[in-house]
Amino acid sequence: MIHKLFNLTRPLFVFDTETTGVDTSKDRIVELGFQRWEAEGMTKEWRSLVNPGMPIPAAASKVNGIYDSD
């Protein structure tokens, strides 16, 4: 796991987003998430779906596994 790979001595905070695509001028966020890792392993995890206000393209759903019905 990450905590062993990096030999953590301080907490590591990992932030992730999933989007409807890669064009920052038109695509939108559909999920936000984070993990907090410490020397003993992951200590906290959180994620939340976000309504992008537009249909999620099939190509994006194929990559991130998030669909309009979610």
C-alpha atoms as a PDB file:
ATOM      1  CA  MET A   1       0.000   0.000   0.000  1.00  0.00           C
ATOM      2  CA  ILE A   2       0.914   3.683  -0.272  1.00  0.00           C
ATOM      3  CA  HIS A   3       2.056   3.990   3.353  1.00  0.00           C
ATOM      4  CA  LYS A   4       4.660   1.238   2.842  1.00  0.00           C
ATOM      5  CA  LEU A   5       5.722   2.437  -0.618  1.00  0.00           C
ATOM      6  CA  PHE A   6       6.500   5.935   0.662  1.00  0.00           C
ATOM      7  CA  ASN A   7       7.619   4.961   4.200  1.00  0.00           C
ATOM      8  CA  LEU A   8       5.441   7.744   5.613  1.00  0.00           C
ATOM      9  CA  THR A   9       6.597   9.705   8.636  1.00  0.00           C
ATOM     10  CA  ARG A  10       3.942  12.426   8.209  1.00  0.00           C
ATOM     11  CA  PRO A  11       0.326  12.263   7.016  1.00  0.00           C
ATOM     12  CA  LEU A  12      -0.225  12.208   3.244  1.00  0.00           C
ATOM     13  CA  PHE A  13      -3.427  13.734   1.842  1.00  0.00           C
ATOM     14  CA  VAL A  14      -4.533  12.482  -1.602  1.00  0.00           C
ATOM     15  CA  PHE A  15      -7.215  14.453  -3.501  1.00  0.00           C
ATOM     16  CA  ASP A  16      -9.018  13.089  -6.575  1.00  0.00           C
ATOM     17  CA  THR A  17     -11.612  14.341  -9.031  1.00  0.00           C
ATOM     18  CA  GLU A  18     -13.646  12.588 -11.695  1.00  0.00           C
ATOM     19  CA  THR A  19     -15.000  14.668 -14.568  1.00  0.00           C
ATOM     20  CA  THR A  20     -17.164  14.539 -17.685  1.00  0.00           C
ATOM     21  CA  GLY A  21     -14.025  14.946 -19.832  1.00  0.00           C
ATOM     22  CA  VAL A  22     -10.651  16.656 -20.073  1.00  0.00           C
ATOM     23  CA  ASP A  23     -11.616  20.008 -21.641  1.00  0.00           C
ATOM     24  CA  THR A  24     -11.500  22.537 -18.794  1.00  0.00           C
ATOM     25  CA  SER A  25     -13.549  25.047 -20.799  1.00  0.00           C
ATOM     26  CA  LYS A  26     -16.630  22.795 -21.054  1.00  0.00           C
ATOM     27  CA  ASP A  27     -16.329  19.664 -18.915  1.00  0.00           C
ATOM     28  CA  ARG A  28     -17.507  19.452 -15.310  1.00  0.00           C
ATOM     29  CA  ILE A  29     -16.690  17.635 -12.073  1.00  0.00           C
ATOM     30  CA  VAL A  30     -18.830  14.570 -11.237  1.00  0.00           C
ATOM     31  CA  GLU A  31     -17.015  13.315  -8.120  1.00  0.00           C
ATOM     32  CA  LEU A  32     -14.663  14.647  -5.443  1.00  0.00           C
ATOM     33  CA  GLY A  33     -12.737  12.460  -3.051  1.00  0.00           C
ATOM     34  CA  PHE A  34      -9.805  12.292  -0.668  1.00  0.00           C
ATOM     35  CA  GLN A  35      -7.807   9.842   1.396  1.00  0.00           C
ATOM     36  CA  ARG A  36      -5.584  10.509   4.400  1.00  0.00           C
ATOM     37  CA  TRP A  37      -2.668   8.110   4.833  1.00  0.00           C
ATOM     38  CA  GLU A  38      -0.415   7.754   7.867  1.00  0.00           C
ATOM     39  CA  ALA A  39       2.410   5.343   8.725  1.00  0.00           C
ATOM     40  CA  GLU A  40      -0.085   2.648   9.822  1.00  0.00           C
ATOM     41  CA  GLY A  41      -2.234   2.976   6.678  1.00  0.00           C
ATOM     42  CA  MET A  42      -5.261   4.877   5.431  1.00  0.00           C
ATOM     43  CA  THR A  43      -6.993   6.660   8.313  1.00  0.00           C
ATOM     44  CA  LYS A  44      -9.758   8.536   6.508  1.00  0.00           C
ATOM     45  CA  GLU A  45     -11.560   8.383   3.183  1.00  0.00           C
ATOM     46  CA  TRP A  46     -14.366  10.520   1.771  1.00  0.00           C
ATOM     47  CA  ARG A  47     -16.075  10.830  -1.600  1.00  0.00           C
ATOM     48  CA  SER A  48     -19.114  12.601  -2.938  1.00  0.00           C
ATOM     49  CA  LEU A  49     -20.866  12.649  -6.281  1.00  0.00           C
ATOM     50  CA  VAL A  50     -21.501  16.081  -7.781  1.00  0.00           C
ATOM     51  CA  ASN A  51     -24.289  16.951 -10.229  1.00  0.00           C
ATOM     52  CA  PRO A  52     -22.376  18.298 -13.249  1.00  0.00           C
ATOM     53  CA  GLY A  53     -25.473  20.030 -14.658  1.00  0.00           C
ATOM     54  CA  MET A  54     -25.015  18.218 -17.963  1.00  0.00           C
ATOM     55  CA  PRO A  55     -25.270  14.641 -19.260  1.00  0.00           C
ATOM     56  CA  ILE A  56     -22.202  12.510 -18.556  1.00  0.00           C
ATOM     57  CA  PRO A  57     -20.758  11.335 -21.890  1.00  0.00           C
ATOM     58  CA  ALA A  58     -20.559   7.556 -22.398  1.00  0.00           C
ATOM     59  CA  ALA A  59     -16.782   7.815 -22.928  1.00  0.00           C
ATOM     60  CA  ALA A  60     -16.362   9.470 -19.500  1.00  0.00           C
ATOM     61  CA  SER A  61     -18.621   6.897 -17.820  1.00  0.00           C
ATOM     62  CA  LYS A  62     -16.544   4.130 -19.359  1.00  0.00           C
ATOM     63  CA  VAL A  63     -13.442   5.570 -17.647  1.00  0.00           C
ATOM     64  CA  ASN A  64     -14.825   6.684 -14.258  1.00  0.00           C
ATOM     65  CA  GLY A  65     -17.760   4.281 -13.831  1.00  0.00           C
ATOM     66  CA  ILE A  66     -20.153   7.142 -13.005  1.00  0.00           C
ATOM     67  CA  TYR A  67     -23.419   7.429 -14.958  1.00  0.00           C
ATOM     68  CA  ASP A  68     -26.259   9.949 -15.156  1.00  0.00           C
ATOM     69  CA  SER A  69     -28.408   7.566 -13.086  1.00  0.00           C
ATOM     70  CA  ASP A  70     -25.905   7.811 -10.216  1.00  0.00           C
END
